[in-house]
Amino acid sequence: MILYRPVGTKELKLIEESNYSKFPPRLPEQPIFYPVLTEEYAVEIASGWNAKYNDDHKGYVTKFEIDDTYCGQFEIHQVGEVHHKELWIPAERLEEFNLHILGKICILHEFSTR
């Protein structure tokens, strides 16, 4: 399954430090890791939220592949329009989730409001 993750610069730096192989642990106030199912939705978040509200006013869209069989255990949540679909991964399972990433996490888009 191909998934997308909108991120800010701080999260992207941590992904880079892992050699683009995993997502960093969630912060205590972030109980869910939610990759999205469409590039369109990831672009909306990265350009409309990350680029506006992060300290450096930048947002990025990452793309990665995850093992289909493993991913099948997580429910898809539609949180708005028909293309606003996310997987909800409990924060305590993110390390396990990272082990099922196939290949590298790549950067598709960069947005800036400056």
PDB file of N, CA and C in Angstrom:
ATOM      1  N   MET A   1       0.851  -1.170   0.000  1.00  0.00           N
ATOM      2  CA  MET A   1       0.000   0.000   0.000  1.00  0.00           C
ATOM      3  C   MET A   1       0.898   1.235   0.000  1.00  0.00           C
ATOM      4  N   ILE A   2       0.568   2.187  -0.859  1.00  0.00           N
ATOM      5  CA  ILE A   2       1.280   3.458  -0.897  1.00  0.00           C
ATOM      6  C   ILE A   2       0.559   4.425   0.039  1.00  0.00           C
ATOM      7  N   LEU A   3       1.323   5.079   0.897  1.00  0.00           N
ATOM      8  CA  LEU A   3       0.775   6.054   1.832  1.00  0.00           C
ATOM      9  C   LEU A   3       1.568   7.350   1.739  1.00  0.00           C
ATOM     10  N   TYR A   4       0.972   8.405   2.272  1.00  0.00           N
ATOM     11  CA  TYR A   4       1.584   9.730   2.256  1.00  0.00           C
ATOM     12  C   TYR A   4       1.554  10.285   3.668  1.00  0.00           C
ATOM     13  N   ARG A   5       2.537  11.109   3.972  1.00  0.00           N
ATOM     14  CA  ARG A   5       2.589  11.718   5.292  1.00  0.00           C
ATOM     15  C   ARG A   5       3.008  13.172   5.137  1.00  0.00           C
ATOM     16  N   PRO A   6       2.103  14.116   5.444  1.00  0.00           N
ATOM     17  CA  PRO A   6       2.502  15.517   5.463  1.00  0.00           C
ATOM     18  C   PRO A   6       3.307  15.784   6.735  1.00  0.00           C
ATOM     19  N   VAL A   7       4.436  16.468   6.599  1.00  0.00           N
ATOM     20  CA  VAL A   7       5.308  16.723   7.753  1.00  0.00           C
ATOM     21  C   VAL A   7       5.842  18.149   7.703  1.00  0.00           C
ATOM     22  N   GLY A   8       6.316  18.596   8.847  1.00  0.00           N
ATOM     23  CA  GLY A   8       7.033  19.866   8.935  1.00  0.00           C
ATOM     24  C   GLY A   8       8.526  19.603   8.919  1.00  0.00           C
ATOM     25  N   THR A   9       9.304  20.654   8.984  1.00  0.00           N
ATOM     26  CA  THR A   9      10.759  20.555   8.894  1.00  0.00           C
ATOM     27  C   THR A   9      11.358  19.736  10.041  1.00  0.00           C
ATOM     28  N   LYS A  10      10.856  19.926  11.264  1.00  0.00           N
ATOM     29  CA  LYS A  10      11.416  19.178  12.405  1.00  0.00           C
ATOM     30  C   LYS A  10      11.246  17.677  12.217  1.00  0.00           C
ATOM     31  N   GLU A  11      10.054  17.255  11.799  1.00  0.00           N
ATOM     32  CA  GLU A  11       9.819  15.825  11.584  1.00  0.00           C
ATOM     33  C   GLU A  11      10.642  15.333  10.393  1.00  0.00           C
ATOM     34  N   LEU A  12      10.750  16.134   9.345  1.00  0.00           N
ATOM     35  CA  LEU A  12      11.539  15.741   8.183  1.00  0.00           C
ATOM     36  C   LEU A  12      13.004  15.529   8.552  1.00  0.00           C
ATOM     37  N   LYS A  13      13.562  16.377   9.398  1.00  0.00           N
ATOM     38  CA  LYS A  13      14.964  16.215   9.822  1.00  0.00           C
ATOM     39  C   LYS A  13      15.161  14.881  10.543  1.00  0.00           C
ATOM     40  N   LEU A  14      14.195  14.489  11.354  1.00  0.00           N
ATOM     41  CA  LEU A  14      14.289  13.199  12.051  1.00  0.00           C
ATOM     42  C   LEU A  14      14.174  12.032  11.075  1.00  0.00           C
ATOM     43  N   ILE A  15      13.355  12.178  10.051  1.00  0.00           N
ATOM     44  CA  ILE A  15      13.259  11.149   9.010  1.00  0.00           C
ATOM     45  C   ILE A  15      14.600  11.048   8.278  1.00  0.00           C
ATOM     46  N   GLU A  16      15.184  12.185   7.950  1.00  0.00           N
ATOM     47  CA  GLU A  16      16.499  12.197   7.291  1.00  0.00           C
ATOM     48  C   GLU A  16      17.548  11.491   8.147  1.00  0.00           C
ATOM     49  N   GLU A  17      17.525  11.753   9.465  1.00  0.00           N
ATOM     50  CA  GLU A  17      18.493  11.131  10.386  1.00  0.00           C
ATOM     51  C   GLU A  17      18.367   9.612  10.398  1.00  0.00           C
ATOM     52  N   SER A  18      17.193   9.093  10.063  1.00  0.00           N
ATOM     53  CA  SER A  18      16.999   7.637  10.002  1.00  0.00           C
ATOM     54  C   SER A  18      17.344   7.079   8.625  1.00  0.00           C
ATOM     55  N   ASN A  19      17.962   7.922   7.783  1.00  0.00           N
ATOM     56  CA  ASN A  19      18.262   7.541   6.399  1.00  0.00           C
ATOM     57  C   ASN A  19      16.971   7.229   5.633  1.00  0.00           C
ATOM     58  N   TYR A  20      15.947   7.999   5.915  1.00  0.00           N
ATOM     59  CA  TYR A  20      14.649   7.892   5.250  1.00  0.00           C
ATOM     60  C   TYR A  20      14.028   6.503   5.404  1.00  0.00           C
ATOM     61  N   SER A  21      14.239   5.908   6.582  1.00  0.00           N
ATOM     62  CA  SER A  21      13.735   4.547   6.796  1.00  0.00           C
ATOM     63  C   SER A  21      12.619   4.448   7.827  1.00  0.00           C
ATOM     64  N   LYS A  22      12.396   5.519   8.615  1.00  0.00           N
ATOM     65  CA  LYS A  22      11.346   5.425   9.623  1.00  0.00           C
ATOM     66  C   LYS A  22      10.858   6.809  10.041  1.00  0.00           C
ATOM     67  N   PHE A  23       9.677   6.787  10.632  1.00  0.00           N
ATOM     68  CA  PHE A  23       9.092   7.998  11.185  1.00  0.00           C
ATOM     69  C   PHE A  23       9.437   8.082  12.668  1.00  0.00           C
ATOM     70  N   PRO A  24       9.654   9.289  13.170  1.00  0.00           N
ATOM     71  CA  PRO A  24      10.049   9.441  14.575  1.00  0.00           C
ATOM     72  C   PRO A  24       8.893   9.168  15.533  1.00  0.00           C
ATOM     73  N   PRO A  25       9.233   8.847  16.783  1.00  0.00           N
ATOM     74  CA  PRO A  25       8.182   8.616  17.783  1.00  0.00           C
ATOM     75  C   PRO A  25       7.281   9.845  17.913  1.00  0.00           C
ATOM     76  N   ARG A  26       6.057   9.593  18.297  1.00  0.00           N
ATOM     77  CA  ARG A  26       5.093  10.666  18.511  1.00  0.00           C
ATOM     78  C   ARG A  26       5.414  11.384  19.817  1.00  0.00           C
ATOM     79  N   LEU A  27       4.996  12.621  19.906  1.00  0.00           N
ATOM     80  CA  LEU A  27       5.119  13.375  21.152  1.00  0.00           C
ATOM     81  C   LEU A  27       4.033  12.915  22.115  1.00  0.00           C
ATOM     82  N   PRO A  28       4.194  13.143  23.410  1.00  0.00           N
ATOM     83  CA  PRO A  28       3.193  12.672  24.379  1.00  0.00           C
ATOM     84  C   PRO A  28       1.763  13.142  24.070  1.00  0.00           C
ATOM     85  N   GLU A  29       1.621  14.328  23.495  1.00  0.00           N
ATOM     86  CA  GLU A  29       0.283  14.842  23.193  1.00  0.00           C
ATOM     87  C   GLU A  29      -0.241  14.363  21.822  1.00  0.00           C
ATOM     88  N   GLN A  30       0.483  13.427  21.195  1.00  0.00           N
ATOM     89  CA  GLN A  30       0.100  12.895  19.886  1.00  0.00           C
ATOM     90  C   GLN A  30      -0.111  11.376  19.980  1.00  0.00           C
ATOM     91  N   PRO A  31      -1.298  10.932  20.367  1.00  0.00           N
ATOM     92  CA  PRO A  31      -1.525   9.500  20.581  1.00  0.00           C
ATOM     93  C   PRO A  31      -1.681   8.676  19.303  1.00  0.00           C
ATOM     94  N   ILE A  32      -1.836   9.347  18.169  1.00  0.00           N
ATOM     95  CA  ILE A  32      -2.075   8.651  16.909  1.00  0.00           C
ATOM     96  C   ILE A  32      -1.082   9.133  15.847  1.00  0.00           C
ATOM     97  N   PHE A  33      -0.561   8.184  15.070  1.00  0.00           N
ATOM     98  CA  PHE A  33       0.203   8.488  13.863  1.00  0.00           C
ATOM     99  C   PHE A  33      -0.759   8.242  12.713  1.00  0.00           C
ATOM    100  N   TYR A  34      -0.961   9.237  11.866  1.00  0.00           N
ATOM    101  CA  TYR A  34      -1.961   9.068  10.818  1.00  0.00           C
ATOM    102  C   TYR A  34      -1.425   9.389   9.423  1.00  0.00           C
ATOM    103  N   PRO A  35      -0.879   8.381   8.752  1.00  0.00           N
ATOM    104  CA  PRO A  35      -0.558   8.573   7.341  1.00  0.00           C
ATOM    105  C   PRO A  35      -1.867   8.649   6.551  1.00  0.00           C
ATOM    106  N   VAL A  36      -1.821   9.316   5.401  1.00  0.00           N
ATOM    107  CA  VAL A  36      -3.028   9.490   4.607  1.00  0.00           C
ATOM    108  C   VAL A  36      -2.946   8.665   3.331  1.00  0.00           C
ATOM    109  N   LEU A  37      -4.101   8.406   2.726  1.00  0.00           N
ATOM    110  CA  LEU A  37      -4.162   7.499   1.585  1.00  0.00           C
ATOM    111  C   LEU A  37      -4.020   8.173   0.233  1.00  0.00           C
ATOM    112  N   THR A  38      -4.150   9.492   0.177  1.00  0.00           N
ATOM    113  CA  THR A  38      -4.052  10.146  -1.123  1.00  0.00           C
ATOM    114  C   THR A  38      -3.039  11.292  -1.093  1.00  0.00           C
ATOM    115  N   GLU A  39      -2.364  11.445  -2.211  1.00  0.00           N
ATOM    116  CA  GLU A  39      -1.425  12.551  -2.347  1.00  0.00           C
ATOM    117  C   GLU A  39      -2.168  13.884  -2.244  1.00  0.00           C
ATOM    118  N   GLU A  40      -3.357  13.942  -2.813  1.00  0.00           N
ATOM    119  CA  GLU A  40      -4.162  15.169  -2.780  1.00  0.00           C
ATOM    120  C   GLU A  40      -4.403  15.645  -1.352  1.00  0.00           C
ATOM    121  N   TYR A  41      -4.773  14.735  -0.487  1.00  0.00           N
ATOM    122  CA  TYR A  41      -5.033  15.079   0.912  1.00  0.00           C
ATOM    123  C   TYR A  41      -3.742  15.515   1.612  1.00  0.00           C
ATOM    124  N   ALA A  42      -2.648  14.806   1.350  1.00  0.00           N
ATOM    125  CA  ALA A  42      -1.359  15.168   1.956  1.00  0.00           C
ATOM    126  C   ALA A  42      -0.927  16.564   1.512  1.00  0.00           C
ATOM    127  N   VAL A  43      -1.147  16.901   0.257  1.00  0.00           N
ATOM    128  CA  VAL A  43      -0.809  18.231  -0.252  1.00  0.00           C
ATOM    129  C   VAL A  43      -1.644  19.293   0.467  1.00  0.00           C
ATOM    130  N   GLU A  44      -2.928  19.027   0.655  1.00  0.00           N
ATOM    131  CA  GLU A  44      -3.790  19.973   1.370  1.00  0.00           C
ATOM    132  C   GLU A  44      -3.251  20.274   2.766  1.00  0.00           C
ATOM    133  N   ILE A  45      -2.843  19.234   3.478  1.00  0.00           N
ATOM    134  CA  ILE A  45      -2.352  19.408   4.848  1.00  0.00           C
ATOM    135  C   ILE A  45      -0.999  20.133   4.850  1.00  0.00           C
ATOM    136  N   ALA A  46      -0.073  19.668   4.019  1.00  0.00           N
ATOM    137  CA  ALA A  46       1.275  20.252   4.011  1.00  0.00           C
ATOM    138  C   ALA A  46       1.262  21.719   3.577  1.00  0.00           C
ATOM    139  N   SER A  47       0.460  22.039   2.578  1.00  0.00           N
ATOM    140  CA  SER A  47       0.434  23.415   2.074  1.00  0.00           C
ATOM    141  C   SER A  47      -0.481  24.316   2.889  1.00  0.00           C
ATOM    142  N   GLY A  48      -1.571  23.754   3.400  1.00  0.00           N
ATOM    143  CA  GLY A  48      -2.554  24.568   4.100  1.00  0.00           C
ATOM    144  C   GLY A  48      -2.402  24.614   5.603  1.00  0.00           C
ATOM    145  N   TRP A  49      -1.673  23.679   6.165  1.00  0.00           N
ATOM    146  CA  TRP A  49      -1.489  23.653   7.621  1.00  0.00           C
ATOM    147  C   TRP A  49      -0.013  23.793   7.974  1.00  0.00           C
ATOM    148  N   ASN A  50       0.803  22.811   7.564  1.00  0.00           N
ATOM    149  CA  ASN A  50       2.223  22.829   7.922  1.00  0.00           C
ATOM    150  C   ASN A  50       2.900  24.130   7.486  1.00  0.00           C
ATOM    151  N   ALA A  51       2.699  24.522   6.248  1.00  0.00           N
ATOM    152  CA  ALA A  51       3.375  25.713   5.737  1.00  0.00           C
ATOM    153  C   ALA A  51       2.874  26.996   6.400  1.00  0.00           C
ATOM    154  N   LYS A  52       1.678  26.981   6.905  1.00  0.00           N
ATOM    155  CA  LYS A  52       1.140  28.179   7.566  1.00  0.00           C
ATOM    156  C   LYS A  52       1.520  28.261   9.034  1.00  0.00           C
ATOM    157  N   TYR A  53       1.496  27.115   9.726  1.00  0.00           N
ATOM    158  CA  TYR A  53       1.571  27.152  11.183  1.00  0.00           C
ATOM    159  C   TYR A  53       2.881  26.689  11.798  1.00  0.00           C
ATOM    160  N   ASN A  54       3.780  26.076  11.027  1.00  0.00           N
ATOM    161  CA  ASN A  54       5.082  25.704  11.584  1.00  0.00           C
ATOM    162  C   ASN A  54       5.964  26.946  11.683  1.00  0.00           C
ATOM    163  N   ASP A  55       6.904  26.915  12.620  1.00  0.00           N
ATOM    164  CA  ASP A  55       7.770  28.070  12.867  1.00  0.00           C
ATOM    165  C   ASP A  55       8.465  28.581  11.605  1.00  0.00           C
ATOM    166  N   ASP A  56       8.922  27.671  10.744  1.00  0.00           N
ATOM    167  CA  ASP A  56       9.650  28.091   9.543  1.00  0.00           C
ATOM    168  C   ASP A  56       8.735  28.237   8.320  1.00  0.00           C
ATOM    169  N   HIS A  57       7.453  28.012   8.507  1.00  0.00           N
ATOM    170  CA  HIS A  57       6.446  28.148   7.437  1.00  0.00           C
ATOM    171  C   HIS A  57       6.737  27.256   6.235  1.00  0.00           C
ATOM    172  N   LYS A  58       7.142  26.028   6.529  1.00  0.00           N
ATOM    173  CA  LYS A  58       7.385  25.044   5.479  1.00  0.00           C
ATOM    174  C   LYS A  58       6.596  23.771   5.761  1.00  0.00           C
ATOM    175  N   GLY A  59       6.207  23.099   4.696  1.00  0.00           N
ATOM    176  CA  GLY A  59       5.518  21.821   4.793  1.00  0.00           C
ATOM    177  C   GLY A  59       5.995  20.911   3.673  1.00  0.00           C
ATOM    178  N   TYR A  60       5.968  19.630   3.921  1.00  0.00           N
ATOM    179  CA  TYR A  60       6.463  18.645   2.970  1.00  0.00           C
ATOM    180  C   TYR A  60       5.478  17.481   2.877  1.00  0.00           C
ATOM    181  N   VAL A  61       5.445  16.862   1.706  1.00  0.00           N
ATOM    182  CA  VAL A  61       4.673  15.629   1.529  1.00  0.00           C
ATOM    183  C   VAL A  61       5.671  14.506   1.316  1.00  0.00           C
ATOM    184  N   THR A  62       5.578  13.488   2.161  1.00  0.00           N
ATOM    185  CA  THR A  62       6.403  12.294   1.982  1.00  0.00           C
ATOM    186  C   THR A  62       5.520  11.160   1.457  1.00  0.00           C
ATOM    187  N   LYS A  63       6.165  10.228   0.805  1.00  0.00           N
ATOM    188  CA  LYS A  63       5.480   9.061   0.241  1.00  0.00           C
ATOM    189  C   LYS A  63       6.274   7.825   0.637  1.00  0.00           C
ATOM    190  N   PHE A  64       5.562   6.758   0.958  1.00  0.00           N
ATOM    191  CA  PHE A  64       6.235   5.508   1.307  1.00  0.00           C
ATOM    192  C   PHE A  64       5.307   4.337   1.048  1.00  0.00           C
ATOM    193  N   GLU A  65       5.896   3.161   1.016  1.00  0.00           N
ATOM    194  CA  GLU A  65       5.121   1.940   0.813  1.00  0.00           C
ATOM    195  C   GLU A  65       5.188   1.105   2.085  1.00  0.00           C
ATOM    196  N   ILE A  66       4.069   0.513   2.426  1.00  0.00           N
ATOM    197  CA  ILE A  66       3.989  -0.329   3.621  1.00  0.00           C
ATOM    198  C   ILE A  66       3.426  -1.693   3.209  1.00  0.00           C
ATOM    199  N   ASP A  67       3.857  -2.706   3.881  1.00  0.00           N
ATOM    200  CA  ASP A  67       3.402  -4.066   3.611  1.00  0.00           C
ATOM    201  C   ASP A  67       1.868  -4.138   3.694  1.00  0.00           C
ATOM    202  N   ASP A  68       1.232  -4.594   2.606  1.00  0.00           N
ATOM    203  CA  ASP A  68      -0.239  -4.655   2.534  1.00  0.00           C
ATOM    204  C   ASP A  68      -0.852  -5.526   3.624  1.00  0.00           C
ATOM    205  N   THR A  69      -0.269  -6.675   3.860  1.00  0.00           N
ATOM    206  CA  THR A  69      -0.823  -7.598   4.843  1.00  0.00           C
ATOM    207  C   THR A  69      -0.804  -6.975   6.233  1.00  0.00           C
ATOM    208  N   TYR A  70       0.312  -6.396   6.601  1.00  0.00           N
ATOM    209  CA  TYR A  70       0.419  -5.739   7.906  1.00  0.00           C
ATOM    210  C   TYR A  70      -0.577  -4.591   8.006  1.00  0.00           C
ATOM    211  N   CYS A  71      -0.635  -3.786   6.978  1.00  0.00           N
ATOM    212  CA  CYS A  71      -1.471  -2.576   6.982  1.00  0.00           C
ATOM    213  C   CYS A  71      -2.959  -2.911   7.087  1.00  0.00           C
ATOM    214  N   GLY A  72      -3.333  -4.084   6.636  1.00  0.00           N
ATOM    215  CA  GLY A  72      -4.737  -4.488   6.636  1.00  0.00           C
ATOM    216  C   GLY A  72      -5.384  -4.533   8.006  1.00  0.00           C
ATOM    217  N   GLN A  73      -4.601  -4.574   9.052  1.00  0.00           N
ATOM    218  CA  GLN A  73      -5.167  -4.635  10.402  1.00  0.00           C
ATOM    219  C   GLN A  73      -5.665  -3.283  10.910  1.00  0.00           C
ATOM    220  N   PHE A  74      -5.307  -2.211  10.211  1.00  0.00           N
ATOM    221  CA  PHE A  74      -5.686  -0.874  10.649  1.00  0.00           C
ATOM    222  C   PHE A  74      -6.873  -0.373   9.845  1.00  0.00           C
ATOM    223  N   GLU A  75      -7.833   0.189  10.539  1.00  0.00           N
ATOM    224  CA  GLU A  75      -9.041   0.692   9.909  1.00  0.00           C
ATOM    225  C   GLU A  75      -8.768   2.010   9.188  1.00  0.00           C
ATOM    226  N   ILE A  76      -9.363   2.151   8.017  1.00  0.00           N
ATOM    227  CA  ILE A  76      -9.291   3.407   7.273  1.00  0.00           C
ATOM    228  C   ILE A  76     -10.393   4.320   7.798  1.00  0.00           C
ATOM    229  N   HIS A  77     -10.026   5.555   8.109  1.00  0.00           N
ATOM    230  CA  HIS A  77     -10.990   6.541   8.614  1.00  0.00           C
ATOM    231  C   HIS A  77     -11.163   7.645   7.579  1.00  0.00           C
ATOM    232  N   GLN A  78     -12.409   7.896   7.193  1.00  0.00           N
ATOM    233  CA  GLN A  78     -12.704   9.041   6.336  1.00  0.00           C
ATOM    234  C   GLN A  78     -13.060  10.192   7.265  1.00  0.00           C
ATOM    235  N   VAL A  79     -12.297  11.283   7.192  1.00  0.00           N
ATOM    236  CA  VAL A  79     -12.430  12.371   8.164  1.00  0.00           C
ATOM    237  C   VAL A  79     -12.965  13.667   7.550  1.00  0.00           C
ATOM    238  N   GLY A  80     -13.496  13.587   6.377  1.00  0.00           N
ATOM    239  CA  GLY A  80     -14.027  14.771   5.702  1.00  0.00           C
ATOM    240  C   GLY A  80     -14.511  14.368   4.327  1.00  0.00           C
ATOM    241  N   GLU A  81     -13.988  15.050   3.312  1.00  0.00           N
ATOM    242  CA  GLU A  81     -14.340  14.753   1.924  1.00  0.00           C
ATOM    243  C   GLU A  81     -13.973  13.305   1.591  1.00  0.00           C
ATOM    244  N   VAL A  82     -14.399  12.843   0.441  1.00  0.00           N
ATOM    245  CA  VAL A  82     -14.171  11.453   0.051  1.00  0.00           C
ATOM    246  C   VAL A  82     -12.683  11.105  -0.020  1.00  0.00           C
ATOM    247  N   HIS A  83     -11.812  12.077  -0.323  1.00  0.00           N
ATOM    248  CA  HIS A  83     -10.369  11.797  -0.416  1.00  0.00           C
ATOM    249  C   HIS A  83      -9.640  12.034   0.912  1.00  0.00           C
ATOM    250  N   HIS A  84     -10.346  12.397   1.958  1.00  0.00           N
ATOM    251  CA  HIS A  84      -9.740  12.634   3.280  1.00  0.00           C
ATOM    252  C   HIS A  84      -9.739  11.325   4.079  1.00  0.00           C
ATOM    253  N   LYS A  85      -8.887  10.420   3.668  1.00  0.00           N
ATOM    254  CA  LYS A  85      -8.808   9.100   4.307  1.00  0.00           C
ATOM    255  C   LYS A  85      -7.449   8.927   4.965  1.00  0.00           C
ATOM    256  N   GLU A  86      -7.483   8.366   6.171  1.00  0.00           N
ATOM    257  CA  GLU A  86      -6.277   8.181   6.984  1.00  0.00           C
ATOM    258  C   GLU A  86      -6.267   6.785   7.591  1.00  0.00           C
ATOM    259  N   LEU A  87      -5.080   6.295   7.869  1.00  0.00           N
ATOM    260  CA  LEU A  87      -4.922   5.132   8.739  1.00  0.00           C
ATOM    261  C   LEU A  87      -4.578   5.678  10.118  1.00  0.00           C
ATOM    262  N   TRP A  88      -5.145   5.121  11.139  1.00  0.00           N
ATOM    263  CA  TRP A  88      -4.838   5.558  12.500  1.00  0.00           C
ATOM    264  C   TRP A  88      -4.004   4.479  13.172  1.00  0.00           C
ATOM    265  N   ILE A  89      -2.748   4.810  13.422  1.00  0.00           N
ATOM    266  CA  ILE A  89      -1.807   3.887  14.051  1.00  0.00           C
ATOM    267  C   ILE A  89      -1.566   4.389  15.468  1.00  0.00           C
ATOM    268  N   PRO A  90      -1.888   3.597  16.495  1.00  0.00           N
ATOM    269  CA  PRO A  90      -1.597   4.037  17.865  1.00  0.00           C
ATOM    270  C   PRO A  90      -0.106   4.345  18.018  1.00  0.00           C
ATOM    271  N   ALA A  91       0.207   5.415  18.706  1.00  0.00           N
ATOM    272  CA  ALA A  91       1.595   5.860  18.864  1.00  0.00           C
ATOM    273  C   ALA A  91       2.495   4.747  19.386  1.00  0.00           C
ATOM    274  N   GLU A  92       1.980   3.945  20.276  1.00  0.00           N
ATOM    275  CA  GLU A  92       2.812   2.880  20.853  1.00  0.00           C
ATOM    276  C   GLU A  92       3.132   1.770  19.841  1.00  0.00           C
ATOM    277  N   ARG A  93       2.500   1.792  18.669  1.00  0.00           N
ATOM    278  CA  ARG A  93       2.772   0.786  17.636  1.00  0.00           C
ATOM    279  C   ARG A  93       3.591   1.341  16.469  1.00  0.00           C
ATOM    280  N   LEU A  94       4.022   2.598  16.574  1.00  0.00           N
ATOM    281  CA  LEU A  94       4.741   3.227  15.458  1.00  0.00           C
ATOM    282  C   LEU A  94       6.070   2.532  15.167  1.00  0.00           C
ATOM    283  N   GLU A  95       6.780   2.118  16.195  1.00  0.00           N
ATOM    284  CA  GLU A  95       8.056   1.429  15.969  1.00  0.00           C
ATOM    285  C   GLU A  95       7.834   0.146  15.157  1.00  0.00           C
ATOM    286  N   GLU A  96       6.807  -0.603  15.513  1.00  0.00           N
ATOM    287  CA  GLU A  96       6.442  -1.817  14.769  1.00  0.00           C
ATOM    288  C   GLU A  96       6.035  -1.460  13.336  1.00  0.00           C
ATOM    289  N   PHE A  97       5.230  -0.411  13.183  1.00  0.00           N
ATOM    290  CA  PHE A  97       4.789   0.057  11.871  1.00  0.00           C
ATOM    291  C   PHE A  97       6.005   0.354  10.989  1.00  0.00           C
ATOM    292  N   ASN A  98       6.988   1.059  11.552  1.00  0.00           N
ATOM    293  CA  ASN A  98       8.198   1.406  10.800  1.00  0.00           C
ATOM    294  C   ASN A  98       8.917   0.181  10.243  1.00  0.00           C
ATOM    295  N   LEU A  99       8.855  -0.930  10.940  1.00  0.00           N
ATOM    296  CA  LEU A  99       9.524  -2.156  10.480  1.00  0.00           C
ATOM    297  C   LEU A  99       8.888  -2.722   9.215  1.00  0.00           C
ATOM    298  N   HIS A 100       7.681  -2.287   8.900  1.00  0.00           N
ATOM    299  CA  HIS A 100       6.959  -2.800   7.733  1.00  0.00           C
ATOM    300  C   HIS A 100       7.006  -1.847   6.539  1.00  0.00           C
ATOM    301  N   ILE A 101       7.782  -0.775   6.658  1.00  0.00           N
ATOM    302  CA  ILE A 101       7.972   0.129   5.525  1.00  0.00           C
ATOM    303  C   ILE A 101       8.873  -0.571   4.515  1.00  0.00           C
ATOM    304  N   LEU A 102       8.457  -0.552   3.262  1.00  0.00           N
ATOM    305  CA  LEU A 102       9.216  -1.176   2.176  1.00  0.00           C
ATOM    306  C   LEU A 102       9.994  -0.092   1.449  1.00  0.00           C
ATOM    307  N   GLY A 103      11.294  -0.204   1.412  1.00  0.00           N
ATOM    308  CA  GLY A 103      12.113   0.802   0.742  1.00  0.00           C
ATOM    309  C   GLY A 103      12.264   2.049   1.598  1.00  0.00           C
ATOM    310  N   LYS A 104      12.441   3.175   0.939  1.00  0.00           N
ATOM    311  CA  LYS A 104      12.721   4.452   1.614  1.00  0.00           C
ATOM    312  C   LYS A 104      11.508   5.374   1.577  1.00  0.00           C
ATOM    313  N   ILE A 105      11.477   6.278   2.529  1.00  0.00           N
ATOM    314  CA  ILE A 105      10.495   7.357   2.550  1.00  0.00           C
ATOM    315  C   ILE A 105      11.031   8.440   1.624  1.00  0.00           C
ATOM    316  N   CYS A 106      10.229   8.900   0.684  1.00  0.00           N
ATOM    317  CA  CYS A 106      10.713   9.932  -0.236  1.00  0.00           C
ATOM    318  C   CYS A 106       9.912  11.229  -0.079  1.00  0.00           C
ATOM    319  N   ILE A 107      10.518  12.311  -0.465  1.00  0.00           N
ATOM    320  CA  ILE A 107       9.883  13.629  -0.401  1.00  0.00           C
ATOM    321  C   ILE A 107       9.317  13.939  -1.784  1.00  0.00           C
ATOM    322  N   LEU A 108       8.012  14.187  -1.838  1.00  0.00           N
ATOM    323  CA  LEU A 108       7.366  14.498  -3.117  1.00  0.00           C
ATOM    324  C   LEU A 108       7.224  15.993  -3.365  1.00  0.00           C
ATOM    325  N   HIS A 109       6.877  16.738  -2.303  1.00  0.00           N
ATOM    326  CA  HIS A 109       6.585  18.163  -2.459  1.00  0.00           C
ATOM    327  C   HIS A 109       7.117  18.949  -1.277  1.00  0.00           C
ATOM    328  N   GLU A 110       7.449  20.194  -1.542  1.00  0.00           N
ATOM    329  CA  GLU A 110       7.834  21.145  -0.495  1.00  0.00           C
ATOM    330  C   GLU A 110       7.011  22.404  -0.702  1.00  0.00           C
ATOM    331  N   PHE A 111       6.465  22.938   0.391  1.00  0.00           N
ATOM    332  CA  PHE A 111       5.657  24.150   0.331  1.00  0.00           C
ATOM    333  C   PHE A 111       6.213  25.163   1.328  1.00  0.00           C
ATOM    334  N   SER A 112       6.108  26.428   0.978  1.00  0.00           N
ATOM    335  CA  SER A 112       6.565  27.500   1.863  1.00  0.00           C
ATOM    336  C   SER A 112       5.654  28.699   1.680  1.00  0.00           C
ATOM    337  N   THR A 113       5.358  29.374   2.790  1.00  0.00           N
ATOM    338  CA  THR A 113       4.554  30.587   2.705  1.00  0.00           C
ATOM    339  C   THR A 113       5.426  31.835   2.783  1.00  0.00           C
ATOM    340  N   ARG A 114       6.731  31.641   2.752  1.00  0.00           N
ATOM    341  CA  ARG A 114       7.671  32.780   2.780  1.00  0.00           C
ATOM    342  C   ARG A 114       8.339  32.944   1.455  1.00  0.00           C
TER     343      ARG A 114
END
